[in-house]
């Protein structure tokens, strides 16, 4: 072979391998794109996400009343879906406003800024409501009490993020008896939030934040006789003798209704409504949940939710469980009957979702906004440590301390939600050191009966707590809105009347709530692994492939995915 032939063969060789390499690269890239596109086509999002919050539902209501439930409600969710059995709120205070905000934002009051249902505003020097907004008007009612919006919540919800992801094409609608239960979950960009106006009206209403006028379907619902039909007798669904999971019907631990001597079945709601704020009495009966289910079903149908491939979000909050729990308590026949009936409403709702959206086309989660403590007077009767706080006596003693120590009570602005707010201008005027005053108040408060812990705002801002009640306080502490001193009472000691009960603490009876997932993308299973309420929004965001809410601190629960 001559020199020219060698040169020519070398050139051909050098040209051949790069060309082959390029061809192979393009081939591999094409194959990868095919695989990628194939995978993307498999990942189909639910057409509708339904978030259900049952107000004041303790986890043990799932297990305590289990044998009384049918197959299509709570049991269906457990049978077909995933049950997180050790799910907790991870902050204090456990109230309705913060609870609904935290479920849907994936964060805590530290960031979303809803630090209570009502709180003392340090700028305006007055109490404010979590959903109150004087810049808007009610729609569907003439009352100035119904001027509501989510403007006090500082972060997005996963419903907001879904709106952004879908270029505002995905619908978001919130529904509840309570305004805050409808408004906070669907966030700032919702199409609508509807809540129940009782009194002498009995209508679902909204505000100008969302719309100028109610849609026709809402007006039609309001003018129908559906709500009025529930002003009837409330008796136990089954024979009361079979309600063995609760205490005696006649006892001294329940509130009842004005106009009825005893808190015992049956209740003539139509007759009693005249002395119990008209249609508001329905809120304190299981029929309040029935009305919400009726309205939610009409929303699914009339708004065509889940009818296309762009995901919609429907937030439904059942609030009558909370009103009934406050009135009658954890161990009452009334609360048992309420959950038996709610189970049937869930079954009815799921059947509509099956037919209207389609089995396998929607995803549901169910949780609560907080739990509740047993009636302390009942706990006392069975020798469990519990009791009631004398706030008036405690405040009187505290004011005496302020006069003795600082010569004035003017440095005190407000005491509410187990927080003490100080007048910082007055403290500065008296040449006092704010941190020293806070510490002195903590030391004083710790001498009072049934206060177990007290912390300063300075401590909350400077120390990183990772466990215990201190960590719960810190996640609920908002630097701009919270008080100067935070107080924690003994377990099962509440500021309340001696019938019925309340919530708000960081103890297990208030933090341990259900968390059920079922539907598209969810596998069957259960876990005792601890999950937190702030994990829900990131989980739903991950399922939808959208951004997490902008201040979310939770993590997706990937073990629930199919």
Protein backbone atom coordinates (compact mmCIF):
# COMPACT_ATOMS: atom_id res chain seq x y z
CA UNK A 1 0.00 0.00 0.00
CA UNK A 2 1.42 3.34 -1.06
CA UNK A 3 1.69 6.37 1.17
CA UNK A 4 -1.28 8.05 -0.55
CA UNK A 5 -3.52 5.05 0.15
CA UNK A 6 -2.51 5.07 3.86
CA UNK A 7 -3.33 8.77 4.16
CA UNK A 8 -6.71 8.26 2.46
CA UNK A 9 -7.68 5.30 4.75
CA UNK A 10 -6.69 7.27 7.86
CA UNK A 11 -8.85 10.19 6.77
CA UNK A 12 -11.83 7.90 6.15
CA UNK A 13 -11.32 6.28 9.59
CA UNK A 14 -11.09 9.62 11.38
CA UNK A 15 -14.23 10.87 9.68
CA UNK A 16 -16.21 7.66 10.23
CA UNK A 17 -16.11 7.44 14.02
CA UNK A 18 -17.30 11.00 14.74
CA UNK A 19 -20.13 10.55 12.28
CA UNK A 20 -21.12 7.25 13.91
CA UNK A 21 -20.85 8.86 17.34
CA UNK A 22 -23.09 11.75 16.28
CA UNK A 23 -25.64 9.34 14.81
CA UNK A 24 -25.60 7.27 17.99
CA UNK A 25 -26.03 10.37 20.17
CA UNK A 26 -29.04 11.52 18.19
CA UNK A 27 -30.42 8.00 18.30
CA UNK A 28 -30.02 7.78 22.10
CA UNK A 29 -31.53 11.23 22.55
CA UNK A 30 -34.50 10.26 20.40
CA UNK A 31 -34.98 7.08 22.42
CA UNK A 32 -34.78 9.00 25.68
CA UNK A 33 -37.36 11.48 24.41
CA UNK A 34 -39.64 8.61 23.49
CA UNK A 35 -39.21 7.08 26.95
CA UNK A 36 -39.69 10.47 28.60
CA UNK A 37 -42.80 11.21 26.59
CA UNK A 38 -44.11 7.77 27.35
CA UNK A 39 -43.61 8.33 31.10
CA UNK A 40 -45.19 11.76 30.95
CA UNK A 41 -48.26 10.33 29.25
CA UNK A 42 -48.63 7.81 32.08
CA UNK A 43 -48.58 10.52 34.77
CA UNK A 44 -52.17 11.74 34.59
CA UNK A 45 -53.38 14.23 37.14
CA UNK A 46 -56.74 13.99 38.86
CA UNK A 47 -59.40 16.14 37.26
CA UNK A 48 -60.60 17.23 40.69
CA UNK A 49 -58.96 17.44 44.10
CA UNK A 50 -61.38 17.55 47.02
CA UNK A 51 -60.07 18.62 50.41
CA UNK A 52 -62.37 17.78 53.32
CA UNK A 53 -61.81 19.29 56.75
CA UNK A 54 -64.03 18.01 59.56
CA UNK A 55 -64.04 20.70 62.21
CA UNK A 56 -62.96 19.44 65.67
CA UNK A 57 -62.58 15.80 64.63
CA UNK A 58 -60.36 13.84 66.99
CA UNK A 59 -58.54 10.87 65.49
CA UNK A 60 -60.31 8.43 67.81
CA UNK A 61 -63.70 9.30 66.30
CA UNK A 62 -62.56 7.12 63.38
CA UNK A 63 -61.94 4.13 65.63
CA UNK A 64 -64.50 4.72 68.39
CA UNK A 65 -67.50 4.85 66.04
CA UNK A 66 -66.00 2.51 63.42
CA UNK A 67 -68.59 -0.25 63.85
CA UNK A 68 -71.41 2.24 63.37
CA UNK A 69 -70.11 3.53 60.04
CA UNK A 70 -71.36 2.25 56.69
CA UNK A 71 -69.12 1.01 53.90
CA UNK A 72 -69.18 4.07 51.64
CA UNK A 73 -67.89 6.93 53.79
CA UNK A 74 -64.98 6.83 56.26
CA UNK A 75 -64.55 3.08 55.72
CA UNK A 76 -64.34 3.49 51.96
CA UNK A 77 -61.51 5.97 52.39
CA UNK A 78 -59.69 3.56 54.69
CA UNK A 79 -60.44 0.51 52.54
CA UNK A 80 -59.45 2.02 49.19
CA UNK A 81 -57.02 4.69 50.31
CA UNK A 82 -54.25 5.47 52.76
CA UNK A 83 -54.69 6.04 56.51
CA UNK A 84 -52.07 8.11 58.36
CA UNK A 85 -52.89 7.09 61.94
CA UNK A 86 -50.37 9.25 63.76
CA UNK A 87 -51.11 12.64 62.21
CA UNK A 88 -50.65 15.76 64.33
CA UNK A 89 -50.77 19.51 64.32
CA UNK A 90 -47.24 20.80 64.84
CA UNK A 91 -47.96 24.18 66.41
CA UNK A 92 -49.97 26.08 69.02
CA UNK A 93 -52.74 27.38 68.93
CA UNK A 94 -55.07 24.70 67.55
CA UNK A 95 -57.99 26.83 66.42
CA UNK A 96 -60.20 26.78 63.31
CA UNK A 97 -58.64 29.70 61.41
CA UNK A 98 -55.01 28.63 61.81
CA UNK A 99 -56.01 25.01 61.22
CA UNK A 100 -57.63 25.57 57.85
CA UNK A 101 -54.81 27.88 56.78
CA UNK A 102 -52.12 25.37 57.78
CA UNK A 103 -53.75 22.40 56.03
CA UNK A 104 -53.77 24.20 52.69
CA UNK A 105 -50.59 26.31 52.92
CA UNK A 106 -48.33 23.57 54.26
CA UNK A 107 -46.96 25.93 56.87
CA UNK A 108 -47.79 27.26 60.33
CA UNK A 109 -48.88 30.59 61.86
CA UNK A 110 -45.22 31.55 62.07
CA UNK A 111 -45.35 32.12 58.31
CA UNK A 112 -48.96 32.27 57.11
CA UNK A 113 -49.75 34.77 59.93
CA UNK A 114 -53.20 33.45 60.89
CA UNK A 115 -52.38 33.25 64.60
CA UNK A 116 -55.94 32.69 65.84
CA UNK A 117 -59.58 33.07 64.95
CA UNK A 118 -59.37 36.52 66.49
CA UNK A 119 -56.29 38.26 67.81
CA UNK A 120 -55.11 41.57 69.21
CA UNK A 121 -53.64 43.69 66.43
CA UNK A 122 -50.61 45.59 67.68
CA UNK A 123 -50.92 48.29 65.01
CA UNK A 124 -54.61 49.17 65.24
CA UNK A 125 -54.74 48.40 68.99
CA UNK A 126 -57.91 46.35 68.63
CA UNK A 127 -59.08 42.77 68.13
CA UNK A 128 -59.29 41.62 64.51
CA UNK A 129 -60.90 38.60 62.87
CA UNK A 130 -58.89 36.20 60.73
CA UNK A 131 -61.13 36.61 57.66
CA UNK A 132 -62.52 40.08 58.34
CA UNK A 133 -61.99 42.72 55.64
CA UNK A 134 -63.63 46.18 55.81
CA UNK A 135 -62.63 46.87 52.19
CA UNK A 136 -65.19 44.39 50.83
CA UNK A 137 -68.94 43.91 51.14
CA UNK A 138 -71.13 40.87 51.60
CA UNK A 139 -72.79 39.38 48.53
CA UNK A 140 -76.13 37.72 49.22
CA UNK A 141 -76.66 39.38 52.61
CA UNK A 142 -76.97 42.93 53.88
CA UNK A 143 -75.04 42.31 57.10
CA UNK A 144 -71.82 44.24 57.80
CA UNK A 145 -70.70 41.17 59.75
CA UNK A 146 -70.12 39.22 56.53
CA UNK A 147 -67.36 41.38 54.99
CA UNK A 148 -64.76 38.68 54.46
CA UNK A 149 -61.62 37.86 52.45
CA UNK A 150 -58.30 35.99 52.86
CA UNK A 151 -56.24 39.20 52.97
CA UNK A 152 -54.81 38.58 56.47
CA UNK A 153 -53.21 35.31 55.29
CA UNK A 154 -49.75 36.10 53.95
CA UNK A 155 -48.90 32.95 51.99
CA UNK A 156 -50.30 30.87 49.13
CA UNK A 157 -52.28 27.66 49.38
CA UNK A 158 -51.87 24.69 47.05
CA UNK A 159 -55.13 25.85 45.45
CA UNK A 160 -53.38 29.15 44.64
CA UNK A 161 -50.44 27.29 43.15
CA UNK A 162 -52.79 25.18 41.03
CA UNK A 163 -54.39 28.36 39.70
CA UNK A 164 -50.98 29.75 38.77
CA UNK A 165 -49.89 26.48 37.17
CA UNK A 166 -53.03 26.22 35.03
CA UNK A 167 -52.92 29.87 33.95
CA UNK A 168 -56.01 30.46 36.14
CA UNK A 169 -57.99 27.86 34.17
CA UNK A 170 -58.38 25.44 37.07
CA UNK A 171 -61.28 26.38 39.31
CA UNK A 172 -60.98 26.77 43.10
CA UNK A 173 -64.10 26.88 45.26
CA UNK A 174 -64.42 26.82 49.05
CA UNK A 175 -67.60 25.79 50.91
CA UNK A 176 -68.40 25.74 54.63
CA UNK A 177 -70.88 26.73 57.29
CA UNK A 178 -68.10 28.98 58.65
CA UNK A 179 -66.68 31.84 56.58
CA UNK A 180 -63.10 31.11 57.64
CA UNK A 181 -63.57 27.43 56.77
CA UNK A 182 -64.51 28.39 53.21
CA UNK A 183 -62.17 31.33 52.63
CA UNK A 184 -58.73 30.38 53.96
CA UNK A 185 -58.35 26.95 52.26
CA UNK A 186 -58.76 28.17 48.67
CA UNK A 187 -56.41 31.11 49.18
CA UNK A 188 -56.18 34.43 47.41
CA UNK A 189 -56.98 33.55 43.80
CA UNK A 190 -60.13 31.46 44.30
CA UNK A 191 -63.10 31.67 41.99
CA UNK A 192 -65.42 31.68 44.98
CA UNK A 193 -65.87 30.99 48.67
CA UNK A 194 -69.36 30.40 50.04
CA UNK A 195 -70.47 30.24 53.65
CA UNK A 196 -73.77 29.97 55.50
CA UNK A 197 -75.63 33.00 56.77
CA UNK A 198 -78.12 31.75 59.39
CA UNK A 199 -80.29 34.01 61.55
CA UNK A 200 -83.56 34.66 59.68
CA UNK A 201 -82.00 34.13 56.24
CA UNK A 202 -80.61 30.60 55.92
CA UNK A 203 -78.61 31.33 52.77
CA UNK A 204 -75.16 30.69 51.34
CA UNK A 205 -73.37 33.97 50.69
CA UNK A 206 -70.00 35.33 49.55
CA UNK A 207 -68.26 38.72 49.32
CA UNK A 208 -67.21 41.27 46.71
CA UNK A 209 -63.66 39.94 47.03
CA UNK A 210 -64.85 37.12 44.76
CA UNK A 211 -67.85 38.42 42.83
CA UNK A 212 -70.38 41.19 42.36
CA UNK A 213 -73.40 38.89 42.41
CA UNK A 214 -74.15 35.29 43.34
CA UNK A 215 -74.28 32.80 40.43
CA UNK A 216 -77.73 31.65 39.38
CA UNK A 217 -77.22 28.17 40.80
CA UNK A 218 -76.46 29.63 44.24
CA UNK A 219 -79.53 31.87 44.09
CA UNK A 220 -81.62 28.89 43.04
CA UNK A 221 -80.27 26.88 45.97
CA UNK A 222 -81.07 29.71 48.37
CA UNK A 223 -84.62 30.15 47.10
CA UNK A 224 -85.32 26.43 47.24
CA UNK A 225 -86.78 24.90 50.39
CA UNK A 226 -83.74 22.70 51.02
CA UNK A 227 -82.42 24.56 54.08
CA UNK A 228 -85.87 25.10 55.58
CA UNK A 229 -86.59 21.37 55.27
CA UNK A 230 -83.96 20.66 57.91
CA UNK A 231 -85.87 22.58 60.59
CA UNK A 232 -87.31 19.32 61.88
CA UNK A 233 -86.81 16.86 64.72
CA UNK A 234 -83.29 15.74 65.46
CA UNK A 235 -83.44 12.27 66.93
CA UNK A 236 -80.83 9.53 66.89
CA UNK A 237 -80.52 7.84 63.51
CA UNK A 238 -80.51 4.41 65.16
CA UNK A 239 -82.03 3.23 68.42
CA UNK A 240 -80.34 5.25 71.13
CA UNK A 241 -79.76 2.09 73.18
CA UNK A 242 -77.28 0.96 70.53
CA UNK A 243 -75.11 4.07 71.04
CA UNK A 244 -72.83 2.25 73.42
CA UNK A 245 -69.73 4.21 72.38
CA UNK A 246 -70.86 7.30 74.31
CA UNK A 247 -72.13 8.20 77.78
CA UNK A 248 -75.66 8.54 79.09
CA UNK A 249 -77.98 10.92 77.26
CA UNK A 250 -79.00 12.72 80.46
CA UNK A 251 -76.01 14.11 82.34
CA UNK A 252 -74.62 17.35 83.79
CA UNK A 253 -71.82 17.85 81.27
CA UNK A 254 -73.75 19.14 78.24
CA UNK A 255 -75.06 22.55 77.25
CA UNK A 256 -78.14 21.97 75.11
CA UNK A 257 -80.50 24.58 73.65
CA UNK A 258 -82.37 27.51 75.11
CA UNK A 259 -86.01 26.51 75.49
CA UNK A 260 -85.35 22.85 76.28
CA UNK A 261 -84.89 21.89 79.89
CA UNK A 262 -82.53 18.96 79.30
CA UNK A 263 -79.88 18.21 76.70
CA UNK A 264 -81.57 14.98 75.66
CA UNK A 265 -83.03 13.56 72.46
CA UNK A 266 -85.17 14.39 70.58
CA UNK A 267 -84.75 18.07 69.65
CA UNK A 268 -87.55 19.92 67.89
CA UNK A 269 -85.34 22.25 65.87
CA UNK A 270 -88.20 24.13 64.26
CA UNK A 271 -89.71 25.06 67.61
CA UNK A 272 -86.35 25.70 69.28
CA UNK A 273 -85.10 27.87 66.39
CA UNK A 274 -87.22 30.80 67.63
CA UNK A 275 -85.11 31.03 70.81
CA UNK A 276 -81.81 29.96 69.22
CA UNK A 277 -81.09 32.52 66.49
CA UNK A 278 -83.33 31.11 63.79
CA UNK A 279 -81.50 29.11 61.12
CA UNK A 280 -78.34 29.27 63.26
CA UNK A 281 -79.68 26.31 65.23
CA UNK A 282 -78.96 24.14 62.19
CA UNK A 283 -75.26 24.83 62.68
CA UNK A 284 -75.50 23.04 66.03
CA UNK A 285 -77.11 19.97 64.52
CA UNK A 286 -75.94 17.30 62.06
CA UNK A 287 -78.18 18.90 59.47
CA UNK A 288 -75.64 21.69 59.13
CA UNK A 289 -73.34 19.08 57.59
CA UNK A 290 -76.19 17.89 55.38
CA UNK A 291 -76.68 21.41 54.05
CA UNK A 292 -72.95 21.69 53.24
CA UNK A 293 -73.07 18.33 51.45
CA UNK A 294 -76.14 19.46 49.48
CA UNK A 295 -74.42 22.69 48.46
CA UNK A 296 -71.12 20.98 47.59
CA UNK A 297 -72.94 18.48 45.37
CA UNK A 298 -74.70 21.33 43.59
CA UNK A 299 -71.35 23.10 43.14
CA UNK A 300 -69.80 20.01 41.52
CA UNK A 301 -72.70 19.78 39.08
CA UNK A 302 -73.30 23.46 38.33
CA UNK A 303 -69.65 24.51 38.11
CA UNK A 304 -68.80 21.42 36.02
CA UNK A 305 -65.94 20.60 38.37
CA UNK A 306 -63.65 17.86 37.12
CA UNK A 307 -65.20 17.82 33.66
CA UNK A 308 -62.01 18.58 31.70
CA UNK A 309 -58.32 17.72 31.99
CA UNK A 310 -57.44 20.88 33.92
CA UNK A 311 -57.45 20.12 37.63
CA UNK A 312 -60.02 21.89 39.80
CA UNK A 313 -59.88 22.21 43.60
CA UNK A 314 -62.92 21.98 45.87
CA UNK A 315 -62.43 22.68 49.58
CA UNK A 316 -65.29 21.48 51.78
CA UNK A 317 -65.35 22.07 55.53
CA UNK A 318 -67.95 20.38 57.73
CA UNK A 319 -68.29 22.71 60.71
CA UNK A 320 -71.34 21.46 62.60
CA UNK A 321 -69.16 18.85 64.27
CA UNK A 322 -67.37 21.74 66.00
CA UNK A 323 -70.53 23.54 67.14
CA UNK A 324 -71.96 20.28 68.49
CA UNK A 325 -68.70 19.33 70.18
CA UNK A 326 -68.49 22.70 71.93
CA UNK A 327 -72.08 22.35 73.10
CA UNK A 328 -72.34 18.69 74.06
CA UNK A 329 -68.78 17.40 74.44
CA UNK A 330 -66.71 14.44 73.32
CA UNK A 331 -68.62 11.75 75.22
CA UNK A 332 -72.16 12.74 74.22
CA UNK A 333 -74.79 10.78 72.33
CA UNK A 334 -75.15 13.91 70.19
CA UNK A 335 -71.55 13.74 68.95
CA UNK A 336 -71.89 10.02 68.17
CA UNK A 337 -75.06 10.57 66.18
CA UNK A 338 -73.43 13.48 64.35
CA UNK A 339 -70.53 11.34 63.11
CA UNK A 340 -72.80 8.46 62.14
CA UNK A 341 -74.81 10.89 60.04
CA UNK A 342 -71.70 12.62 58.64
CA UNK A 343 -70.47 9.23 57.46
CA UNK A 344 -73.65 8.87 55.40
CA UNK A 345 -73.23 12.38 53.96
CA UNK A 346 -69.69 11.48 52.87
CA UNK A 347 -71.01 8.34 51.18
CA UNK A 348 -73.63 10.39 49.34
CA UNK A 349 -71.01 12.94 48.30
CA UNK A 350 -68.58 10.29 47.05
CA UNK A 351 -71.33 8.64 45.00
CA UNK A 352 -71.94 11.97 43.25
CA UNK A 353 -68.21 12.34 42.57
CA UNK A 354 -68.22 8.81 41.13
CA UNK A 355 -71.02 9.64 38.73
CA UNK A 356 -70.20 13.26 37.89
CA UNK A 357 -66.39 13.17 37.76
CA UNK A 358 -65.81 9.44 37.44
CA UNK A 359 -64.17 6.80 39.61
CA UNK A 360 -60.43 7.16 39.21
CA UNK A 361 -60.64 10.78 38.07
CA UNK A 362 -60.62 12.53 41.45
CA UNK A 363 -58.51 12.55 44.61
CA UNK A 364 -59.77 13.26 48.12
CA UNK A 365 -58.05 13.95 51.40
CA UNK A 366 -59.82 14.23 54.75
CA UNK A 367 -58.44 15.72 57.94
CA UNK A 368 -59.45 18.09 60.76
CA UNK A 369 -58.52 21.61 61.78
CA UNK A 370 -57.94 20.56 65.42
CA UNK A 371 -59.14 18.06 67.99
CA UNK A 372 -60.79 18.73 71.35
CA UNK A 373 -60.49 17.87 75.05
CA UNK A 374 -63.07 15.86 76.97
CA UNK A 375 -65.35 18.01 79.13
CA UNK A 376 -63.12 18.74 82.17
CA UNK A 377 -65.99 18.32 84.63
CA UNK A 378 -66.56 14.84 83.19
CA UNK A 379 -62.86 14.02 83.51
CA UNK A 380 -62.98 15.19 87.13
CA UNK A 381 -65.90 12.83 87.75
CA UNK A 382 -63.71 9.88 86.72
CA UNK A 383 -60.74 11.16 88.75
CA UNK A 384 -58.65 12.44 85.83
CA UNK A 385 -56.78 15.68 86.43
CA UNK A 386 -58.70 18.50 84.74
CA UNK A 387 -60.39 21.76 85.56
CA UNK A 388 -61.27 25.35 84.79
CA UNK A 389 -59.24 28.54 84.80
CA UNK A 390 -60.30 31.62 86.72
CA UNK A 391 -59.04 34.23 84.27
CA UNK A 392 -60.60 37.14 86.12
CA UNK A 393 -58.79 36.25 89.33
CA UNK A 394 -55.56 35.60 87.44
CA UNK A 395 -55.77 38.98 85.67
CA UNK A 396 -56.51 40.79 88.93
CA UNK A 397 -53.44 39.24 90.53
CA UNK A 398 -51.31 40.14 87.51
CA UNK A 399 -52.39 43.78 87.57
CA UNK A 400 -51.50 43.98 91.26
CA UNK A 401 -48.03 42.67 90.35
CA UNK A 402 -47.63 45.36 87.67
CA UNK A 403 -48.54 48.14 90.10
CA UNK A 404 -46.26 46.76 92.80
CA UNK A 405 -43.35 46.36 90.37
CA UNK A 406 -43.72 49.23 87.91
CA UNK A 407 -46.19 51.55 89.60
CA UNK A 408 -48.70 51.28 86.74
CA UNK A 409 -50.76 48.86 84.65
CA UNK A 410 -50.35 51.03 81.57
CA UNK A 411 -47.59 48.80 80.23
CA UNK A 412 -50.25 46.11 79.67
CA UNK A 413 -52.23 46.41 76.44
CA UNK A 414 -54.05 43.09 76.09
CA UNK A 415 -54.34 39.52 77.31
CA UNK A 416 -55.88 37.07 74.84
CA UNK A 417 -55.25 33.63 73.30
CA UNK A 418 -52.86 32.83 76.18
CA UNK A 419 -50.65 35.75 75.19
CA UNK A 420 -49.74 38.97 76.96
CA UNK A 421 -49.27 42.08 74.82
CA UNK A 422 -47.24 44.96 76.26
CA UNK A 423 -47.31 48.68 75.52
CA UNK A 424 -43.81 49.14 74.21
CA UNK A 425 -44.11 52.92 73.98
CA UNK A 426 -44.99 53.09 77.68
CA UNK A 427 -42.13 50.75 78.56
CA UNK A 428 -39.74 53.01 76.67
CA UNK A 429 -41.22 56.09 78.33
CA UNK A 430 -40.56 54.56 81.76
CA UNK A 431 -36.97 53.76 80.76
CA UNK A 432 -37.58 50.05 81.23
CA UNK A 433 -35.84 47.29 79.32
CA UNK A 434 -38.36 45.29 77.29
CA UNK A 435 -36.59 41.98 77.72
CA UNK A 436 -36.30 42.50 81.48
CA UNK A 437 -40.03 43.24 81.71
CA UNK A 438 -40.85 40.14 79.68
CA UNK A 439 -38.69 37.95 81.93
CA UNK A 440 -40.21 39.42 85.08
CA UNK A 441 -43.71 38.67 83.78
CA UNK A 442 -42.72 35.09 82.94
CA UNK A 443 -41.40 34.59 86.48
CA UNK A 444 -44.61 36.05 87.91
CA UNK A 445 -46.93 34.00 85.69
CA UNK A 446 -45.15 30.79 86.62
CA UNK A 447 -46.32 31.26 90.22
CA UNK A 448 -50.00 31.13 89.18
CA UNK A 449 -52.13 28.02 89.50
CA UNK A 450 -52.37 25.80 86.41
CA UNK A 451 -49.80 27.64 84.31
CA UNK A 452 -47.26 25.01 83.34
CA UNK A 453 -44.96 27.03 81.08
CA UNK A 454 -44.35 30.63 80.01
CA UNK A 455 -41.95 32.05 77.44
CA UNK A 456 -40.96 35.49 76.25
CA UNK A 457 -41.13 36.69 72.66
CA UNK A 458 -37.40 37.33 72.94
CA UNK A 459 -36.86 33.63 73.66
CA UNK A 460 -39.06 32.64 70.73
CA UNK A 461 -36.97 34.87 68.46
CA UNK A 462 -33.56 33.79 69.70
CA UNK A 463 -33.71 30.09 70.63
CA UNK A 464 -34.33 27.27 68.15
CA UNK A 465 -36.57 24.65 69.76
CA UNK A 466 -36.79 21.28 68.02
CA UNK A 467 -39.13 19.29 70.25
CA UNK A 468 -41.75 19.53 72.95
CA UNK A 469 -44.35 22.19 73.59
CA UNK A 470 -41.68 24.84 73.08
CA UNK A 471 -41.30 23.83 69.43
CA UNK A 472 -45.08 23.92 68.97
CA UNK A 473 -45.21 27.41 70.47
CA UNK A 474 -42.40 28.57 68.21
CA UNK A 475 -44.10 27.32 65.04
CA UNK A 476 -47.21 29.20 66.11
CA UNK A 477 -45.32 32.37 67.02
CA UNK A 478 -45.47 35.15 64.45
CA UNK A 479 -42.88 37.82 65.17
CA UNK A 480 -45.06 40.64 63.88
CA UNK A 481 -48.43 39.56 65.31
CA UNK A 482 -47.85 37.47 68.43
CA UNK A 483 -47.61 38.73 71.99
CA UNK A 484 -44.69 39.47 74.33
CA UNK A 485 -45.32 36.54 76.66
CA UNK A 486 -46.79 33.14 75.73
CA UNK A 487 -48.56 31.00 78.34
CA UNK A 488 -49.23 27.26 78.47
CA UNK A 489 -51.85 25.88 80.85
CA UNK A 490 -51.90 22.48 82.52
CA UNK A 491 -53.35 19.59 80.48
CA UNK A 492 -57.17 19.54 80.39
CA UNK A 493 -57.51 22.92 82.11
CA UNK A 494 -59.56 25.28 79.99
CA UNK A 495 -61.13 28.71 80.06
CA UNK A 496 -64.73 27.73 79.39
CA UNK A 497 -68.10 27.06 80.94
CA UNK A 498 -68.58 23.80 82.85
CA UNK A 499 -70.74 22.23 80.15
CA UNK A 500 -69.35 21.43 76.71
CA UNK A 501 -65.70 21.84 75.86
CA UNK A 502 -63.08 23.62 73.75
CA UNK A 503 -59.60 23.34 72.19
CA UNK A 504 -56.47 25.32 71.39
CA UNK A 505 -53.62 23.57 73.20
CA UNK A 506 -50.64 21.54 72.02
CA UNK A 507 -51.67 18.39 73.87
CA UNK A 508 -52.51 15.20 71.99
CA UNK A 509 -56.26 15.55 72.39
CA UNK A 510 -56.04 18.78 70.36
CA UNK A 511 -53.24 17.83 67.92
CA UNK A 512 -54.05 14.21 66.94
CA UNK A 513 -56.46 14.27 63.99
CA UNK A 514 -57.31 11.94 61.07
CA UNK A 515 -55.53 12.07 57.73
CA UNK A 516 -57.04 9.94 54.97
CA UNK A 517 -56.23 9.98 51.26
CA UNK A 518 -58.07 8.12 48.53
CA UNK A 519 -58.72 8.24 44.81
CA UNK A 520 -56.49 8.78 41.80
CA UNK A 521 -52.78 8.40 42.50
CA UNK A 522 -53.27 7.05 46.02
CA UNK A 523 -52.44 3.49 47.05
CA UNK A 524 -54.06 1.42 49.78
CA UNK A 525 -52.18 1.30 53.05
CA UNK A 526 -51.72 2.68 56.53
CA UNK A 527 -48.93 3.90 58.76
CA UNK A 528 -48.19 4.80 62.36
CA UNK A 529 -45.25 6.90 61.17
CA UNK A 530 -45.76 10.42 62.49
CA UNK A 531 -47.06 12.84 59.90
CA UNK A 532 -47.78 16.51 60.36
CA UNK A 533 -50.61 18.69 59.14
CA UNK A 534 -48.15 20.76 57.10
CA UNK A 535 -47.34 17.68 54.97
CA UNK A 536 -50.76 17.70 53.27
CA UNK A 537 -50.29 20.66 50.92
CA UNK A 538 -46.84 19.53 49.65
CA UNK A 539 -48.29 16.04 49.10
CA UNK A 540 -51.12 17.39 46.98
CA UNK A 541 -48.70 19.69 45.13
CA UNK A 542 -46.43 16.74 44.37
CA UNK A 543 -49.41 14.72 43.12
CA UNK A 544 -50.34 17.57 40.77
CA UNK A 545 -46.76 18.32 39.72
CA UNK A 546 -47.09 21.96 40.74
CA UNK A 547 -45.06 24.32 42.90
CA UNK A 548 -45.36 23.94 46.66
CA UNK A 549 -47.16 26.80 48.44
CA UNK A 550 -44.61 29.59 48.79
CA UNK A 551 -43.92 29.16 52.52
CA UNK A 552 -44.57 25.42 52.90
CA UNK A 553 -42.39 23.66 55.47
CA UNK A 554 -43.93 20.18 55.16
CA UNK A 555 -42.71 17.27 53.06
CA UNK A 556 -44.62 15.19 50.48
CA UNK A 557 -45.81 11.89 51.93
CA UNK A 558 -44.50 9.85 49.01
CA UNK A 559 -45.50 6.55 50.62
CA UNK A 560 -49.19 7.35 49.96
CA UNK A 561 -48.68 7.50 46.20
CA UNK A 562 -49.64 4.59 43.99
